[in-house]
Amino acid sequence: MATILVVDDELGIRALLSEILSDEGHTIELAKNAQEARASRERSRPDLVLLDIWMPDVDGVTLLKEWGSTGLLTMPVIMMSGHGTIDTAVEATKFGAMAFLEKPITLQKLLRAVEQALVKTTPRPVPPVATPVLGAAPTSYPRPEAMPQAVPGVLPMASAGLAPVTPMPHQQGLASEQVFELDRPLREARDAFEKSYFEFHLAKENGSMTRVAEKTGLERTHLYRKLKQLGVDLSRNKRGTGI
């Protein structure tokens, strides 16, 4: 996951973006003005910056220009504003901004912009090129008819020279079809179904509360209360990062 610096003078915006992006597994640094942003950029070397345009001391476009002119614009920057115009967006792009988000920012637009910015800046590994050795025997490959035939829905095991695949802990319990005991009171049967339903989606989304809320159509606060009420173990579905 990435380190993301959020620069905004509004406490509510900083808190909301921090919660959403932390839930996606990112490490979040916060700054309420240009001075704190400079210090945080130097200290944490973020992979991405979300930068508000209108701030009390130094505005975001001026800070963007400063980083660009001093060689410090080594990370993608997404500009944010609730009063932006097309001219402002064009100016920010001209000085190095990768994208422009207009407030209020929707969850889908935020996650899409962050994902695209991080993908564009992630270098793709270059596969090693084998250097031919003079006098070496040519590599022999098995004929197609000698290869084991794949059977739909069946993983190749020892017969294909592969070790059995053991499901990871977060992949267990993902069965979309389960059996429920119906000879019980309605409330107990409903709670058992809802608990399995939410555990399924939490495991499927690697513990991301944001994505589960989107998938189930519930507000995050309502979802938290529901999971607590049903006794769902949230720690089991969290990512390995511990966030």
C-alpha atoms as a PDB file:
ATOM      1  CA  MET A   1       0.000   0.000   0.000  1.00  0.00           C
ATOM      2  CA  ALA A   2       0.984   3.655  -0.433  1.00  0.00           C
ATOM      3  CA  THR A   3       1.770   6.608   1.824  1.00  0.00           C
ATOM      4  CA  ILE A   4      -0.639   9.438   1.031  1.00  0.00           C
ATOM      5  CA  LEU A   5      -0.347  13.035   2.250  1.00  0.00           C
ATOM      6  CA  VAL A   6      -3.680  14.859   2.659  1.00  0.00           C
ATOM      7  CA  VAL A   7      -3.361  18.661   2.770  1.00  0.00           C
ATOM      8  CA  ASP A   8      -6.542  20.566   3.656  1.00  0.00           C
ATOM      9  CA  ASP A   9      -7.326  23.340   6.124  1.00  0.00           C
ATOM     10  CA  GLU A  10     -10.725  21.798   6.984  1.00  0.00           C
ATOM     11  CA  LEU A  11     -10.530  19.285   9.842  1.00  0.00           C
ATOM     12  CA  GLY A  12     -13.627  17.416   8.659  1.00  0.00           C
ATOM     13  CA  ILE A  13     -12.211  16.873   5.176  1.00  0.00           C
ATOM     14  CA  ARG A  14      -8.895  15.642   6.562  1.00  0.00           C
ATOM     15  CA  ALA A  15     -10.633  13.239   8.945  1.00  0.00           C
ATOM     16  CA  LEU A  16     -12.980  11.850   6.284  1.00  0.00           C
ATOM     17  CA  LEU A  17     -10.277  11.301   3.652  1.00  0.00           C
ATOM     18  CA  SER A  18      -7.984   9.779   6.272  1.00  0.00           C
ATOM     19  CA  GLU A  19     -10.674   7.308   7.369  1.00  0.00           C
ATOM     20  CA  ILE A  20     -11.566   6.251   3.820  1.00  0.00           C
ATOM     21  CA  LEU A  21      -7.992   5.859   2.580  1.00  0.00           C
ATOM     22  CA  SER A  22      -6.799   4.160   5.783  1.00  0.00           C
ATOM     23  CA  ASP A  23      -9.620   1.677   5.351  1.00  0.00           C
ATOM     24  CA  GLU A  24      -8.208   0.942   1.885  1.00  0.00           C
ATOM     25  CA  GLY A  25      -4.897  -0.017   3.515  1.00  0.00           C
ATOM     26  CA  HIS A  26      -2.898   3.169   2.879  1.00  0.00           C
ATOM     27  CA  THR A  27      -0.728   5.040   5.383  1.00  0.00           C
ATOM     28  CA  ILE A  28      -2.029   8.588   5.794  1.00  0.00           C
ATOM     29  CA  GLU A  29      -0.130  11.766   6.664  1.00  0.00           C
ATOM     30  CA  LEU A  30      -2.145  14.925   7.440  1.00  0.00           C
ATOM     31  CA  ALA A  31      -1.338  18.636   7.062  1.00  0.00           C
ATOM     32  CA  LYS A  32      -3.598  21.663   7.544  1.00  0.00           C
ATOM     33  CA  ASN A  33      -1.449  24.224   5.717  1.00  0.00           C
ATOM     34  CA  ALA A  34       1.512  24.632   3.388  1.00  0.00           C
ATOM     35  CA  GLN A  35       4.069  24.768   6.213  1.00  0.00           C
ATOM     36  CA  GLU A  36       2.963  21.403   7.610  1.00  0.00           C
ATOM     37  CA  ALA A  37       2.752  20.002   4.080  1.00  0.00           C
ATOM     38  CA  ARG A  38       6.379  20.924   3.358  1.00  0.00           C
ATOM     39  CA  ALA A  39       7.548  19.273   6.588  1.00  0.00           C
ATOM     40  CA  SER A  40       5.450  16.146   6.017  1.00  0.00           C
ATOM     41  CA  ARG A  41       6.607  15.826   2.410  1.00  0.00           C
ATOM     42  CA  GLU A  42      10.238  15.974   3.541  1.00  0.00           C
ATOM     43  CA  ARG A  43       9.692  13.566   6.437  1.00  0.00           C
ATOM     44  CA  SER A  44       7.482  10.858   4.917  1.00  0.00           C
ATOM     45  CA  ARG A  45       8.274  11.117   1.173  1.00  0.00           C
ATOM     46  CA  PRO A  46       4.641  10.329   0.212  1.00  0.00           C
ATOM     47  CA  ASP A  47       3.694   8.312  -2.861  1.00  0.00           C
ATOM     48  CA  LEU A  48       0.752  10.649  -3.510  1.00  0.00           C
ATOM     49  CA  VAL A  49      -0.483  14.061  -2.318  1.00  0.00           C
ATOM     50  CA  LEU A  50      -4.111  15.217  -2.116  1.00  0.00           C
ATOM     51  CA  LEU A  51      -3.760  19.010  -2.080  1.00  0.00           C
ATOM     52  CA  ASP A  52      -6.497  21.561  -1.390  1.00  0.00           C
ATOM     53  CA  ILE A  53      -6.327  24.735  -3.481  1.00  0.00           C
ATOM     54  CA  TRP A  54      -7.786  27.302  -1.093  1.00  0.00           C
ATOM     55  CA  MET A  55      -5.758  27.459   2.133  1.00  0.00           C
ATOM     56  CA  PRO A  56      -5.216  30.409   4.501  1.00  0.00           C
ATOM     57  CA  ASP A  57      -1.469  30.990   4.200  1.00  0.00           C
ATOM     58  CA  VAL A  58      -0.225  29.619   0.883  1.00  0.00           C
ATOM     59  CA  ASP A  59      -2.703  28.253  -1.653  1.00  0.00           C
ATOM     60  CA  GLY A  60      -2.310  24.795  -3.167  1.00  0.00           C
ATOM     61  CA  VAL A  61      -1.364  25.939  -6.668  1.00  0.00           C
ATOM     62  CA  THR A  62       1.435  28.123  -5.273  1.00  0.00           C
ATOM     63  CA  LEU A  63       2.741  25.182  -3.228  1.00  0.00           C
ATOM     64  CA  LEU A  64       2.541  22.976  -6.314  1.00  0.00           C
ATOM     65  CA  LYS A  65       4.594  25.531  -8.294  1.00  0.00           C
ATOM     66  CA  GLU A  66       7.115  25.706  -5.440  1.00  0.00           C
ATOM     67  CA  TRP A  67       7.626  21.943  -5.401  1.00  0.00           C
ATOM     68  CA  GLY A  68       7.946  21.885  -9.186  1.00  0.00           C
ATOM     69  CA  SER A  69      10.503  24.711  -9.371  1.00  0.00           C
ATOM     70  CA  THR A  70      12.694  23.226  -6.614  1.00  0.00           C
ATOM     71  CA  GLY A  71      12.696  19.662  -7.942  1.00  0.00           C
ATOM     72  CA  LEU A  72      10.507  18.353  -5.109  1.00  0.00           C
ATOM     73  CA  LEU A  73       7.561  17.344  -7.294  1.00  0.00           C
ATOM     74  CA  THR A  74       8.627  13.692  -7.341  1.00  0.00           C
ATOM     75  CA  MET A  75       5.159  12.325  -6.525  1.00  0.00           C
ATOM     76  CA  PRO A  76       1.762  12.670  -8.221  1.00  0.00           C
ATOM     77  CA  VAL A  77      -0.487  15.420  -6.882  1.00  0.00           C
ATOM     78  CA  ILE A  78      -4.293  15.477  -7.010  1.00  0.00           C
ATOM     79  CA  MET A  79      -5.777  18.942  -6.478  1.00  0.00           C
ATOM     80  CA  MET A  80      -9.051  19.444  -4.555  1.00  0.00           C
ATOM     81  CA  SER A  81     -11.379  22.432  -4.355  1.00  0.00           C
ATOM     82  CA  GLY A  82     -14.962  23.340  -3.589  1.00  0.00           C
ATOM     83  CA  HIS A  83     -14.730  26.604  -5.514  1.00  0.00           C
ATOM     84  CA  GLY A  84     -12.613  25.561  -8.466  1.00  0.00           C
ATOM     85  CA  THR A  85     -13.130  26.637 -12.052  1.00  0.00           C
ATOM     86  CA  ILE A  86     -11.997  25.176 -15.350  1.00  0.00           C
ATOM     87  CA  ASP A  87      -9.223  27.788 -15.481  1.00  0.00           C
ATOM     88  CA  THR A  88      -8.005  26.715 -12.028  1.00  0.00           C
ATOM     89  CA  ALA A  89      -7.970  23.056 -13.032  1.00  0.00           C
ATOM     90  CA  VAL A  90      -6.086  23.827 -16.246  1.00  0.00           C
ATOM     91  CA  GLU A  91      -3.544  25.939 -14.353  1.00  0.00           C
ATOM     92  CA  ALA A  92      -2.971  23.194 -11.770  1.00  0.00           C
ATOM     93  CA  THR A  93      -2.503  20.603 -14.505  1.00  0.00           C
ATOM     94  CA  LYS A  94      -0.033  22.891 -16.292  1.00  0.00           C
ATOM     95  CA  PHE A  95       2.116  23.041 -13.160  1.00  0.00           C
ATOM     96  CA  GLY A  96       2.201  19.266 -12.633  1.00  0.00           C
ATOM     97  CA  ALA A  97      -1.071  18.175 -11.029  1.00  0.00           C
ATOM     98  CA  MET A  98      -2.243  14.765 -12.216  1.00  0.00           C
ATOM     99  CA  ALA A  99      -5.958  15.265 -11.545  1.00  0.00           C
ATOM    100  CA  PHE A 100      -8.505  17.706 -10.143  1.00  0.00           C
ATOM    101  CA  LEU A 101     -11.337  16.695  -7.766  1.00  0.00           C
ATOM    102  CA  GLU A 102     -14.229  19.032  -7.111  1.00  0.00           C
ATOM    103  CA  LYS A 103     -15.763  19.044  -3.621  1.00  0.00           C
ATOM    104  CA  PRO A 104     -17.904  17.451  -2.389  1.00  0.00           C
ATOM    105  CA  ILE A 105     -15.854  14.470  -3.545  1.00  0.00           C
ATOM    106  CA  THR A 106     -17.758  11.261  -4.123  1.00  0.00           C
ATOM    107  CA  LEU A 107     -16.297   8.016  -2.805  1.00  0.00           C
ATOM    108  CA  GLN A 108     -16.109   6.470  -6.278  1.00  0.00           C
ATOM    109  CA  LYS A 109     -14.267   9.459  -7.801  1.00  0.00           C
ATOM    110  CA  LEU A 110     -11.816   9.606  -4.901  1.00  0.00           C
ATOM    111  CA  LEU A 111     -10.888   5.920  -5.005  1.00  0.00           C
ATOM    112  CA  ARG A 112     -10.675   5.917  -8.805  1.00  0.00           C
ATOM    113  CA  ALA A 113      -8.408   8.985  -8.903  1.00  0.00           C
ATOM    114  CA  VAL A 114      -6.121   7.593  -6.167  1.00  0.00           C
ATOM    115  CA  GLU A 115      -5.903   4.203  -7.865  1.00  0.00           C
ATOM    116  CA  GLN A 116      -5.090   5.726 -11.265  1.00  0.00           C
ATOM    117  CA  ALA A 117      -2.445   8.040  -9.797  1.00  0.00           C
ATOM    118  CA  LEU A 118      -0.708   5.214  -7.960  1.00  0.00           C
ATOM    119  CA  VAL A 119      -0.856   2.855 -10.956  1.00  0.00           C
ATOM    120  CA  LYS A 120       0.743   5.448 -13.243  1.00  0.00           C
ATOM    121  CA  THR A 121       3.635   5.970 -10.839  1.00  0.00           C
ATOM    122  CA  THR A 122       4.314   2.309 -10.044  1.00  0.00           C
ATOM    123  CA  PRO A 123       7.168   1.013 -12.237  1.00  0.00           C
ATOM    124  CA  ARG A 124       6.492  -2.300 -13.875  1.00  0.00           C
ATOM    125  CA  PRO A 125       9.105  -4.971 -13.188  1.00  0.00           C
ATOM    126  CA  VAL A 126      11.163  -5.836 -16.232  1.00  0.00           C
ATOM    127  CA  PRO A 127      11.429  -9.590 -16.747  1.00  0.00           C
ATOM    128  CA  PRO A 128      15.023 -10.834 -16.930  1.00  0.00           C
ATOM    129  CA  VAL A 129      16.249 -11.711 -20.395  1.00  0.00           C
ATOM    130  CA  ALA A 130      18.072 -15.007 -20.633  1.00  0.00           C
ATOM    131  CA  THR A 131      21.512 -14.699 -22.191  1.00  0.00           C
ATOM    132  CA  PRO A 132      22.297 -17.595 -24.519  1.00  0.00           C
ATOM    133  CA  VAL A 133      25.440 -19.521 -23.623  1.00  0.00           C
ATOM    134  CA  LEU A 134      27.641 -20.723 -26.486  1.00  0.00           C
ATOM    135  CA  GLY A 135      27.813 -24.492 -26.708  1.00  0.00           C
ATOM    136  CA  ALA A 136      24.886 -25.033 -24.340  1.00  0.00           C
ATOM    137  CA  ALA A 137      22.306 -27.607 -25.299  1.00  0.00           C
ATOM    138  CA  PRO A 138      19.016 -26.103 -26.507  1.00  0.00           C
ATOM    139  CA  THR A 139      16.233 -26.028 -23.968  1.00  0.00           C
ATOM    140  CA  SER A 140      13.715 -28.786 -24.581  1.00  0.00           C
ATOM    141  CA  TYR A 141      10.014 -28.230 -23.969  1.00  0.00           C
ATOM    142  CA  PRO A 142       7.408 -30.989 -23.608  1.00  0.00           C
ATOM    143  CA  ARG A 143       5.174 -31.561 -26.601  1.00  0.00           C
ATOM    144  CA  PRO A 144       1.600 -30.246 -26.179  1.00  0.00           C
ATOM    145  CA  GLU A 145       0.213 -33.776 -26.114  1.00  0.00           C
ATOM    146  CA  ALA A 146       2.602 -34.643 -23.262  1.00  0.00           C
ATOM    147  CA  MET A 147       1.314 -31.840 -21.045  1.00  0.00           C
ATOM    148  CA  PRO A 148      -1.320 -32.752 -18.440  1.00  0.00           C
ATOM    149  CA  GLN A 149      -4.791 -31.806 -19.596  1.00  0.00           C
ATOM    150  CA  ALA A 150      -6.599 -29.240 -17.474  1.00  0.00           C
ATOM    151  CA  VAL A 151      -9.986 -30.237 -16.156  1.00  0.00           C
ATOM    152  CA  PRO A 152     -12.452 -27.374 -15.626  1.00  0.00           C
ATOM    153  CA  GLY A 153     -12.769 -26.537 -11.939  1.00  0.00           C
ATOM    154  CA  VAL A 154      -9.885 -28.824 -10.887  1.00  0.00           C
ATOM    155  CA  LEU A 155      -6.456 -27.537  -9.815  1.00  0.00           C
ATOM    156  CA  PRO A 156      -3.430 -29.521 -11.066  1.00  0.00           C
ATOM    157  CA  MET A 157      -1.708 -31.203  -8.127  1.00  0.00           C
ATOM    158  CA  ALA A 158       1.180 -33.621  -7.704  1.00  0.00           C
ATOM    159  CA  SER A 159       0.552 -35.294 -11.030  1.00  0.00           C
ATOM    160  CA  ALA A 160       1.536 -32.064 -12.748  1.00  0.00           C
ATOM    161  CA  GLY A 161       4.578 -31.569 -10.530  1.00  0.00           C
ATOM    162  CA  LEU A 162       2.841 -28.934  -8.362  1.00  0.00           C
ATOM    163  CA  ALA A 163       2.289 -28.935  -4.631  1.00  0.00           C
ATOM    164  CA  PRO A 164      -1.305 -28.813  -3.367  1.00  0.00           C
ATOM    165  CA  VAL A 165      -2.607 -25.268  -2.950  1.00  0.00           C
ATOM    166  CA  THR A 166      -3.747 -24.381   0.577  1.00  0.00           C
ATOM    167  CA  PRO A 167      -6.316 -21.564   0.815  1.00  0.00           C
ATOM    168  CA  MET A 168      -5.115 -18.470   2.655  1.00  0.00           C
ATOM    169  CA  PRO A 169      -6.928 -17.682   5.933  1.00  0.00           C
ATOM    170  CA  HIS A 170      -8.824 -14.730   4.437  1.00  0.00           C
ATOM    171  CA  GLN A 171     -10.019 -16.944   1.562  1.00  0.00           C
ATOM    172  CA  GLN A 172     -11.602 -19.559   3.806  1.00  0.00           C
ATOM    173  CA  GLY A 173     -15.344 -19.350   4.439  1.00  0.00           C
ATOM    174  CA  LEU A 174     -16.015 -17.670   1.088  1.00  0.00           C
ATOM    175  CA  ALA A 175     -18.669 -20.173   0.043  1.00  0.00           C
ATOM    176  CA  SER A 176     -21.521 -18.205  -1.512  1.00  0.00           C
ATOM    177  CA  GLU A 177     -23.935 -21.052  -0.745  1.00  0.00           C
ATOM    178  CA  GLN A 178     -24.369 -22.147   2.868  1.00  0.00           C
ATOM    179  CA  VAL A 179     -26.821 -24.280   4.848  1.00  0.00           C
ATOM    180  CA  PHE A 180     -28.834 -22.723   7.665  1.00  0.00           C
ATOM    181  CA  GLU A 181     -30.820 -24.406  10.420  1.00  0.00           C
ATOM    182  CA  LEU A 182     -34.402 -23.178  10.038  1.00  0.00           C
ATOM    183  CA  ASP A 183     -35.918 -25.021  12.998  1.00  0.00           C
ATOM    184  CA  ARG A 184     -35.318 -22.098  15.349  1.00  0.00           C
ATOM    185  CA  PRO A 185     -36.899 -18.730  16.226  1.00  0.00           C
ATOM    186  CA  LEU A 186     -37.037 -16.189  13.374  1.00  0.00           C
ATOM    187  CA  ARG A 187     -34.658 -13.735  15.067  1.00  0.00           C
ATOM    188  CA  GLU A 188     -31.969 -16.409  15.567  1.00  0.00           C
ATOM    189  CA  ALA A 189     -32.302 -17.628  11.971  1.00  0.00           C
ATOM    190  CA  ARG A 190     -32.138 -14.070  10.625  1.00  0.00           C
ATOM    191  CA  ASP A 191     -29.109 -13.183  12.758  1.00  0.00           C
ATOM    192  CA  ALA A 192     -27.294 -16.340  11.635  1.00  0.00           C
ATOM    193  CA  PHE A 193     -27.951 -15.487   7.988  1.00  0.00           C
ATOM    194  CA  GLU A 194     -26.911 -11.840   8.370  1.00  0.00           C
ATOM    195  CA  LYS A 195     -23.721 -12.784  10.219  1.00  0.00           C
ATOM    196  CA  SER A 196     -22.725 -15.223   7.459  1.00  0.00           C
ATOM    197  CA  TYR A 197     -23.717 -12.649   4.820  1.00  0.00           C
ATOM    198  CA  PHE A 198     -21.468  -9.921   6.247  1.00  0.00           C
ATOM    199  CA  GLU A 199     -18.583 -12.333   6.983  1.00  0.00           C
ATOM    200  CA  PHE A 200     -18.738 -13.448   3.350  1.00  0.00           C
ATOM    201  CA  HIS A 201     -18.496  -9.894   2.017  1.00  0.00           C
ATOM    202  CA  LEU A 202     -15.810  -8.863   4.521  1.00  0.00           C
ATOM    203  CA  ALA A 203     -13.635 -11.804   3.483  1.00  0.00           C
ATOM    204  CA  LYS A 204     -14.322 -11.133  -0.201  1.00  0.00           C
ATOM    205  CA  GLU A 205     -13.300  -7.469   0.139  1.00  0.00           C
ATOM    206  CA  ASN A 206     -10.251  -8.236   2.334  1.00  0.00           C
ATOM    207  CA  GLY A 207     -11.811  -6.474   5.318  1.00  0.00           C
ATOM    208  CA  SER A 208     -12.455  -3.150   3.538  1.00  0.00           C
ATOM    209  CA  MET A 209     -15.385  -1.565   5.365  1.00  0.00           C
ATOM    210  CA  THR A 210     -15.706   1.035   2.616  1.00  0.00           C
ATOM    211  CA  ARG A 211     -16.222  -1.551  -0.105  1.00  0.00           C
ATOM    212  CA  VAL A 212     -18.544  -3.678   2.059  1.00  0.00           C
ATOM    213  CA  ALA A 213     -20.665  -0.593   2.788  1.00  0.00           C
ATOM    214  CA  GLU A 214     -20.829   0.092  -0.947  1.00  0.00           C
ATOM    215  CA  LYS A 215     -21.681  -3.527  -1.783  1.00  0.00           C
ATOM    216  CA  THR A 216     -24.376  -3.917   0.904  1.00  0.00           C
ATOM    217  CA  GLY A 217     -25.882  -0.437   0.515  1.00  0.00           C
ATOM    218  CA  LEU A 218     -25.405   0.532   4.176  1.00  0.00           C
ATOM    219  CA  GLU A 219     -23.910   3.662   5.714  1.00  0.00           C
ATOM    220  CA  ARG A 220     -20.540   2.959   7.372  1.00  0.00           C
ATOM    221  CA  THR A 221     -21.766   3.890  10.858  1.00  0.00           C
ATOM    222  CA  HIS A 222     -24.833   1.671  10.484  1.00  0.00           C
ATOM    223  CA  LEU A 223     -22.627  -1.132   9.169  1.00  0.00           C
ATOM    224  CA  TYR A 224     -20.258  -0.898  12.163  1.00  0.00           C
ATOM    225  CA  ARG A 225     -23.173  -1.070  14.595  1.00  0.00           C
ATOM    226  CA  LYS A 226     -24.709  -4.002  12.724  1.00  0.00           C
ATOM    227  CA  LEU A 227     -21.467  -6.017  12.726  1.00  0.00           C
ATOM    228  CA  LYS A 228     -20.917  -5.350  16.423  1.00  0.00           C
ATOM    229  CA  GLN A 229     -24.472  -6.410  17.180  1.00  0.00           C
ATOM    230  CA  LEU A 230     -24.047  -9.664  15.238  1.00  0.00           C
ATOM    231  CA  GLY A 231     -20.711 -10.425  16.919  1.00  0.00           C
ATOM    232  CA  VAL A 232     -18.678 -10.389  13.684  1.00  0.00           C
ATOM    233  CA  ASP A 233     -14.924 -10.547  14.334  1.00  0.00           C
ATOM    234  CA  LEU A 234     -13.553  -7.590  12.352  1.00  0.00           C
ATOM    235  CA  SER A 235      -9.901  -8.226  13.233  1.00  0.00           C
ATOM    236  CA  ARG A 236      -9.939 -11.554  11.399  1.00  0.00           C
ATOM    237  CA  ASN A 237     -10.752  -9.870   8.081  1.00  0.00           C
ATOM    238  CA  LYS A 238      -8.301  -6.976   8.322  1.00  0.00           C
ATOM    239  CA  ARG A 239      -5.407  -6.837   5.868  1.00  0.00           C
ATOM    240  CA  GLY A 240      -1.972  -7.971   6.880  1.00  0.00           C
ATOM    241  CA  THR A 241      -0.944  -4.332   7.291  1.00  0.00           C
ATOM    242  CA  GLY A 242      -2.852  -4.230  10.560  1.00  0.00           C
ATOM    243  CA  ILE A 243      -4.859  -1.168   9.490  1.00  0.00           C
END
